[in-house]
Amino acid sequence: MPTTMGGKGGATNPDQLFAAGYAACFENAVIHVTRNKAIRVKDTDIVVVAEVGLQPNGSGGLVLSVALDVAIAGLDQAMAEEIVQAAHATCPYSNAVRGNIDVAITVTTS
């Protein structure tokens, strides 16, 4: 159980597993949306870090939030943002949580 819910910590919790799955899925969505473009993103060009947060919902429960930090090498900022936006529309995790979980996405290039 996460420490935010009274757990002792020190072990992998469901939020961390969700974050790892979302990051991996989102990275594959980025690669997928560039597959038929002149500019292709390879696995070695991208790093996605997902962080899942838990906040009280005001009625005794908790709600999730997600922050995705997407770093893509070899692209200009505008192109990277366009690709990430398309990936967000394609990614199964993004589609599953849309309208239910706030997802903040930060895009950087190098």
N, C-alpha and C. Protein backbone atom coordinates (compact mmCIF):
# COMPACT_ATOMS: atom_id res chain seq x y z
N MET A 1 0.85 -1.17 0.00
CA MET A 1 0.00 0.00 0.00
C MET A 1 0.90 1.24 0.00
N PRO A 2 0.56 2.29 -0.79
CA PRO A 2 1.36 3.51 -0.80
C PRO A 2 1.39 4.18 0.58
N THR A 3 2.46 4.86 0.88
CA THR A 3 2.56 5.56 2.16
C THR A 3 1.47 6.61 2.30
N THR A 4 1.01 7.20 1.17
CA THR A 4 -0.05 8.20 1.22
C THR A 4 -1.37 7.62 1.70
N MET A 5 -1.46 6.29 1.69
CA MET A 5 -2.67 5.62 2.16
C MET A 5 -2.42 4.87 3.46
N GLY A 6 -1.29 5.19 4.11
CA GLY A 6 -1.00 4.56 5.39
C GLY A 6 -0.11 3.34 5.31
N GLY A 7 0.39 3.02 4.12
CA GLY A 7 1.28 1.87 3.97
C GLY A 7 2.67 2.16 4.50
N LYS A 8 3.45 1.12 4.67
CA LYS A 8 4.79 1.28 5.23
C LYS A 8 5.83 1.68 4.19
N GLY A 9 5.51 1.55 2.88
CA GLY A 9 6.47 1.91 1.84
C GLY A 9 7.54 0.84 1.71
N GLY A 10 8.57 1.15 0.93
CA GLY A 10 9.67 0.22 0.77
C GLY A 10 9.43 -0.91 -0.21
N ALA A 11 8.30 -0.90 -0.89
CA ALA A 11 8.00 -1.93 -1.89
C ALA A 11 7.27 -1.26 -3.05
N THR A 12 7.24 -1.94 -4.16
CA THR A 12 6.51 -1.42 -5.32
C THR A 12 5.03 -1.41 -5.01
N ASN A 13 4.37 -0.29 -5.36
CA ASN A 13 2.93 -0.20 -5.12
C ASN A 13 2.18 -0.09 -6.45
N PRO A 14 0.88 -0.21 -6.45
CA PRO A 14 0.10 -0.18 -7.68
C PRO A 14 0.28 1.13 -8.48
N ASP A 15 0.48 2.24 -7.79
CA ASP A 15 0.66 3.52 -8.49
C ASP A 15 1.94 3.50 -9.31
N GLN A 16 3.00 2.93 -8.75
CA GLN A 16 4.27 2.84 -9.47
C GLN A 16 4.15 1.90 -10.67
N LEU A 17 3.42 0.82 -10.51
CA LEU A 17 3.21 -0.10 -11.63
C LEU A 17 2.40 0.57 -12.74
N PHE A 18 1.38 1.33 -12.36
CA PHE A 18 0.58 2.06 -13.34
C PHE A 18 1.46 3.07 -14.08
N ALA A 19 2.31 3.79 -13.35
CA ALA A 19 3.21 4.77 -13.95
C ALA A 19 4.16 4.10 -14.94
N ALA A 20 4.73 2.96 -14.57
CA ALA A 20 5.66 2.25 -15.45
C ALA A 20 4.95 1.79 -16.72
N GLY A 21 3.75 1.25 -16.57
CA GLY A 21 2.99 0.81 -17.74
C GLY A 21 2.61 1.96 -18.65
N TYR A 22 2.18 3.08 -18.06
CA TYR A 22 1.79 4.25 -18.85
C TYR A 22 3.00 4.79 -19.60
N ALA A 23 4.14 4.91 -18.94
CA ALA A 23 5.34 5.43 -19.59
C ALA A 23 5.75 4.56 -20.78
N ALA A 24 5.75 3.25 -20.59
CA ALA A 24 6.14 2.33 -21.66
C ALA A 24 5.15 2.40 -22.83
N CYS A 25 3.88 2.43 -22.51
CA CYS A 25 2.85 2.50 -23.55
C CYS A 25 2.95 3.82 -24.32
N PHE A 26 3.16 4.92 -23.59
CA PHE A 26 3.23 6.23 -24.24
C PHE A 26 4.45 6.31 -25.16
N GLU A 27 5.57 5.76 -24.72
CA GLU A 27 6.77 5.74 -25.57
C GLU A 27 6.48 5.00 -26.87
N ASN A 28 5.83 3.85 -26.78
CA ASN A 28 5.48 3.11 -27.99
C ASN A 28 4.50 3.87 -28.86
N ALA A 29 3.60 4.64 -28.27
CA ALA A 29 2.66 5.45 -29.05
C ALA A 29 3.41 6.53 -29.83
N VAL A 30 4.42 7.14 -29.21
CA VAL A 30 5.24 8.14 -29.91
C VAL A 30 5.92 7.50 -31.11
N ILE A 31 6.53 6.35 -30.90
CA ILE A 31 7.21 5.65 -32.00
C ILE A 31 6.20 5.30 -33.09
N HIS A 32 5.03 4.83 -32.68
CA HIS A 32 3.99 4.44 -33.64
C HIS A 32 3.53 5.62 -34.51
N VAL A 33 3.28 6.77 -33.93
CA VAL A 33 2.76 7.89 -34.72
C VAL A 33 3.79 8.45 -35.69
N THR A 34 5.06 8.14 -35.50
CA THR A 34 6.08 8.63 -36.43
C THR A 34 6.47 7.58 -37.46
N ARG A 35 5.89 6.42 -37.37
CA ARG A 35 6.27 5.31 -38.25
C ARG A 35 6.13 5.67 -39.74
N ASN A 36 5.14 6.43 -40.11
CA ASN A 36 4.91 6.78 -41.52
C ASN A 36 5.25 8.22 -41.84
N LYS A 37 6.06 8.85 -40.99
CA LYS A 37 6.46 10.24 -41.20
C LYS A 37 7.90 10.30 -41.71
N ALA A 38 8.26 11.44 -42.28
CA ALA A 38 9.64 11.63 -42.73
C ALA A 38 10.59 11.61 -41.54
N ILE A 39 10.13 12.13 -40.41
CA ILE A 39 10.93 12.13 -39.19
C ILE A 39 10.42 10.99 -38.32
N ARG A 40 11.28 10.02 -38.06
CA ARG A 40 10.89 8.87 -37.25
C ARG A 40 11.62 8.91 -35.92
N VAL A 41 10.91 8.60 -34.86
CA VAL A 41 11.49 8.53 -33.53
C VAL A 41 11.77 7.06 -33.23
N LYS A 42 13.01 6.78 -32.84
CA LYS A 42 13.40 5.42 -32.47
C LYS A 42 13.39 5.30 -30.95
N ASP A 43 13.39 4.07 -30.48
CA ASP A 43 13.37 3.80 -29.05
C ASP A 43 14.51 4.50 -28.31
N THR A 44 15.67 4.61 -28.96
CA THR A 44 16.83 5.25 -28.32
C THR A 44 16.73 6.77 -28.32
N ASP A 45 15.74 7.34 -29.01
CA ASP A 45 15.57 8.79 -29.09
C ASP A 45 14.62 9.35 -28.03
N ILE A 46 13.96 8.49 -27.30
CA ILE A 46 12.88 8.97 -26.43
C ILE A 46 12.98 8.37 -25.02
N VAL A 47 12.66 9.22 -24.06
CA VAL A 47 12.54 8.79 -22.67
C VAL A 47 11.24 9.37 -22.13
N VAL A 48 10.40 8.52 -21.58
CA VAL A 48 9.15 8.96 -20.97
C VAL A 48 9.18 8.57 -19.50
N VAL A 49 8.98 9.56 -18.65
CA VAL A 49 8.88 9.31 -17.21
C VAL A 49 7.46 9.68 -16.79
N ALA A 50 6.79 8.75 -16.14
CA ALA A 50 5.43 8.99 -15.65
C ALA A 50 5.45 9.02 -14.14
N GLU A 51 4.73 9.98 -13.59
CA GLU A 51 4.59 10.07 -12.14
C GLU A 51 3.10 10.11 -11.81
N VAL A 52 2.68 9.22 -10.95
CA VAL A 52 1.27 9.15 -10.56
C VAL A 52 1.13 9.76 -9.18
N GLY A 53 0.16 10.64 -9.06
CA GLY A 53 -0.12 11.27 -7.77
C GLY A 53 -1.47 10.85 -7.24
N LEU A 54 -1.62 10.90 -5.95
CA LEU A 54 -2.90 10.64 -5.27
C LEU A 54 -3.28 11.87 -4.47
N GLN A 55 -4.49 12.35 -4.67
CA GLN A 55 -4.99 13.48 -3.91
C GLN A 55 -6.37 13.14 -3.36
N PRO A 56 -6.71 13.71 -2.20
CA PRO A 56 -8.06 13.50 -1.66
C PRO A 56 -9.11 14.10 -2.61
N ASN A 57 -10.24 13.44 -2.72
CA ASN A 57 -11.29 13.93 -3.61
C ASN A 57 -12.35 14.76 -2.89
N GLY A 58 -12.20 14.96 -1.59
CA GLY A 58 -13.16 15.76 -0.84
C GLY A 58 -14.32 14.97 -0.28
N SER A 59 -14.46 13.70 -0.65
CA SER A 59 -15.52 12.87 -0.09
C SER A 59 -14.99 11.60 0.56
N GLY A 60 -13.77 11.70 1.06
CA GLY A 60 -13.19 10.57 1.76
C GLY A 60 -12.41 9.61 0.89
N GLY A 61 -12.42 9.82 -0.40
CA GLY A 61 -11.67 8.95 -1.32
C GLY A 61 -10.46 9.67 -1.89
N LEU A 62 -9.84 9.05 -2.86
CA LEU A 62 -8.66 9.61 -3.50
C LEU A 62 -8.86 9.63 -5.01
N VAL A 63 -8.20 10.55 -5.67
CA VAL A 63 -8.19 10.61 -7.13
C VAL A 63 -6.74 10.56 -7.60
N LEU A 64 -6.57 10.02 -8.80
CA LEU A 64 -5.25 9.94 -9.40
C LEU A 64 -4.98 11.15 -10.28
N SER A 65 -3.72 11.47 -10.43
CA SER A 65 -3.26 12.41 -11.45
C SER A 65 -2.00 11.82 -12.05
N VAL A 66 -1.69 12.22 -13.27
CA VAL A 66 -0.50 11.70 -13.94
C VAL A 66 0.27 12.87 -14.53
N ALA A 67 1.59 12.83 -14.37
CA ALA A 67 2.49 13.78 -15.04
C ALA A 67 3.41 12.95 -15.93
N LEU A 68 3.39 13.26 -17.22
CA LEU A 68 4.28 12.61 -18.18
C LEU A 68 5.36 13.59 -18.59
N ASP A 69 6.61 13.21 -18.43
CA ASP A 69 7.75 14.00 -18.87
C ASP A 69 8.33 13.27 -20.07
N VAL A 70 8.19 13.87 -21.25
CA VAL A 70 8.60 13.24 -22.49
C VAL A 70 9.80 13.99 -23.06
N ALA A 71 10.92 13.30 -23.19
CA ALA A 71 12.13 13.89 -23.76
C ALA A 71 12.44 13.16 -25.07
N ILE A 72 12.56 13.95 -26.14
CA ILE A 72 12.83 13.37 -27.46
C ILE A 72 14.07 14.04 -28.04
N ALA A 73 15.03 13.23 -28.44
CA ALA A 73 16.27 13.74 -29.04
C ALA A 73 16.10 13.90 -30.55
N GLY A 74 16.76 14.90 -31.10
CA GLY A 74 16.84 15.06 -32.55
C GLY A 74 15.69 15.79 -33.21
N LEU A 75 14.78 16.37 -32.45
CA LEU A 75 13.64 17.10 -33.02
C LEU A 75 13.62 18.53 -32.49
N ASP A 76 13.00 19.42 -33.26
CA ASP A 76 12.78 20.75 -32.71
C ASP A 76 11.55 20.69 -31.81
N GLN A 77 11.39 21.70 -30.97
CA GLN A 77 10.34 21.69 -29.95
C GLN A 77 8.94 21.57 -30.57
N ALA A 78 8.68 22.32 -31.63
CA ALA A 78 7.35 22.31 -32.24
C ALA A 78 7.00 20.92 -32.78
N MET A 79 7.94 20.29 -33.45
CA MET A 79 7.69 18.95 -34.00
C MET A 79 7.50 17.94 -32.87
N ALA A 80 8.32 18.03 -31.83
CA ALA A 80 8.19 17.12 -30.69
C ALA A 80 6.81 17.26 -30.05
N GLU A 81 6.35 18.49 -29.86
CA GLU A 81 5.04 18.71 -29.25
C GLU A 81 3.92 18.17 -30.13
N GLU A 82 4.04 18.32 -31.44
CA GLU A 82 3.03 17.80 -32.38
C GLU A 82 2.97 16.27 -32.29
N ILE A 83 4.12 15.64 -32.26
CA ILE A 83 4.18 14.18 -32.18
C ILE A 83 3.61 13.69 -30.85
N VAL A 84 3.96 14.36 -29.76
CA VAL A 84 3.46 13.95 -28.45
C VAL A 84 1.95 14.13 -28.36
N GLN A 85 1.42 15.18 -28.95
CA GLN A 85 -0.03 15.38 -28.96
C GLN A 85 -0.72 14.25 -29.72
N ALA A 86 -0.14 13.86 -30.84
CA ALA A 86 -0.71 12.73 -31.60
C ALA A 86 -0.60 11.43 -30.81
N ALA A 87 0.51 11.25 -30.11
CA ALA A 87 0.68 10.05 -29.29
C ALA A 87 -0.34 10.01 -28.16
N HIS A 88 -0.63 11.15 -27.57
CA HIS A 88 -1.61 11.23 -26.49
C HIS A 88 -3.01 10.85 -26.99
N ALA A 89 -3.29 11.15 -28.25
CA ALA A 89 -4.58 10.77 -28.85
C ALA A 89 -4.62 9.29 -29.20
N THR A 90 -3.44 8.65 -29.34
CA THR A 90 -3.33 7.27 -29.78
C THR A 90 -3.12 6.28 -28.64
N CYS A 91 -2.38 6.69 -27.63
CA CYS A 91 -1.97 5.80 -26.53
C CYS A 91 -3.18 5.18 -25.82
N PRO A 92 -3.22 3.86 -25.69
CA PRO A 92 -4.33 3.22 -24.99
C PRO A 92 -4.49 3.68 -23.54
N TYR A 93 -3.39 3.94 -22.84
CA TYR A 93 -3.51 4.43 -21.46
C TYR A 93 -4.15 5.81 -21.46
N SER A 94 -3.71 6.69 -22.36
CA SER A 94 -4.29 8.03 -22.44
C SER A 94 -5.77 7.95 -22.74
N ASN A 95 -6.14 7.06 -23.66
CA ASN A 95 -7.54 6.92 -24.01
C ASN A 95 -8.36 6.33 -22.86
N ALA A 96 -7.75 5.46 -22.08
CA ALA A 96 -8.46 4.84 -20.95
C ALA A 96 -8.73 5.84 -19.83
N VAL A 97 -7.81 6.78 -19.62
CA VAL A 97 -7.97 7.70 -18.48
C VAL A 97 -8.59 9.04 -18.87
N ARG A 98 -8.70 9.31 -20.17
CA ARG A 98 -9.22 10.60 -20.63
C ARG A 98 -10.58 10.89 -20.02
N GLY A 99 -10.69 12.05 -19.39
CA GLY A 99 -11.95 12.46 -18.76
C GLY A 99 -12.07 11.98 -17.32
N ASN A 100 -11.17 11.12 -16.88
CA ASN A 100 -11.21 10.58 -15.52
C ASN A 100 -10.02 10.98 -14.67
N ILE A 101 -8.87 11.13 -15.30
CA ILE A 101 -7.62 11.45 -14.60
C ILE A 101 -6.96 12.63 -15.30
N ASP A 102 -6.55 13.62 -14.52
CA ASP A 102 -5.81 14.74 -15.10
C ASP A 102 -4.43 14.26 -15.51
N VAL A 103 -4.04 14.55 -16.76
CA VAL A 103 -2.73 14.17 -17.29
C VAL A 103 -2.03 15.44 -17.75
N ALA A 104 -0.90 15.75 -17.11
CA ALA A 104 -0.08 16.90 -17.50
C ALA A 104 1.12 16.36 -18.26
N ILE A 105 1.38 16.94 -19.43
CA ILE A 105 2.49 16.46 -20.26
C ILE A 105 3.49 17.58 -20.48
N THR A 106 4.75 17.28 -20.22
CA THR A 106 5.85 18.19 -20.48
C THR A 106 6.72 17.57 -21.58
N VAL A 107 7.06 18.37 -22.59
CA VAL A 107 7.87 17.88 -23.70
C VAL A 107 9.17 18.68 -23.75
N THR A 108 10.29 17.95 -23.81
CA THR A 108 11.60 18.59 -23.97
C THR A 108 12.33 17.92 -25.13
N THR A 109 13.28 18.65 -25.69
CA THR A 109 14.07 18.12 -26.79
C THR A 109 15.55 18.31 -26.48
N SER A 110 16.36 17.54 -27.18
CA SER A 110 17.81 17.70 -27.04
C SER A 110 18.49 17.47 -28.36
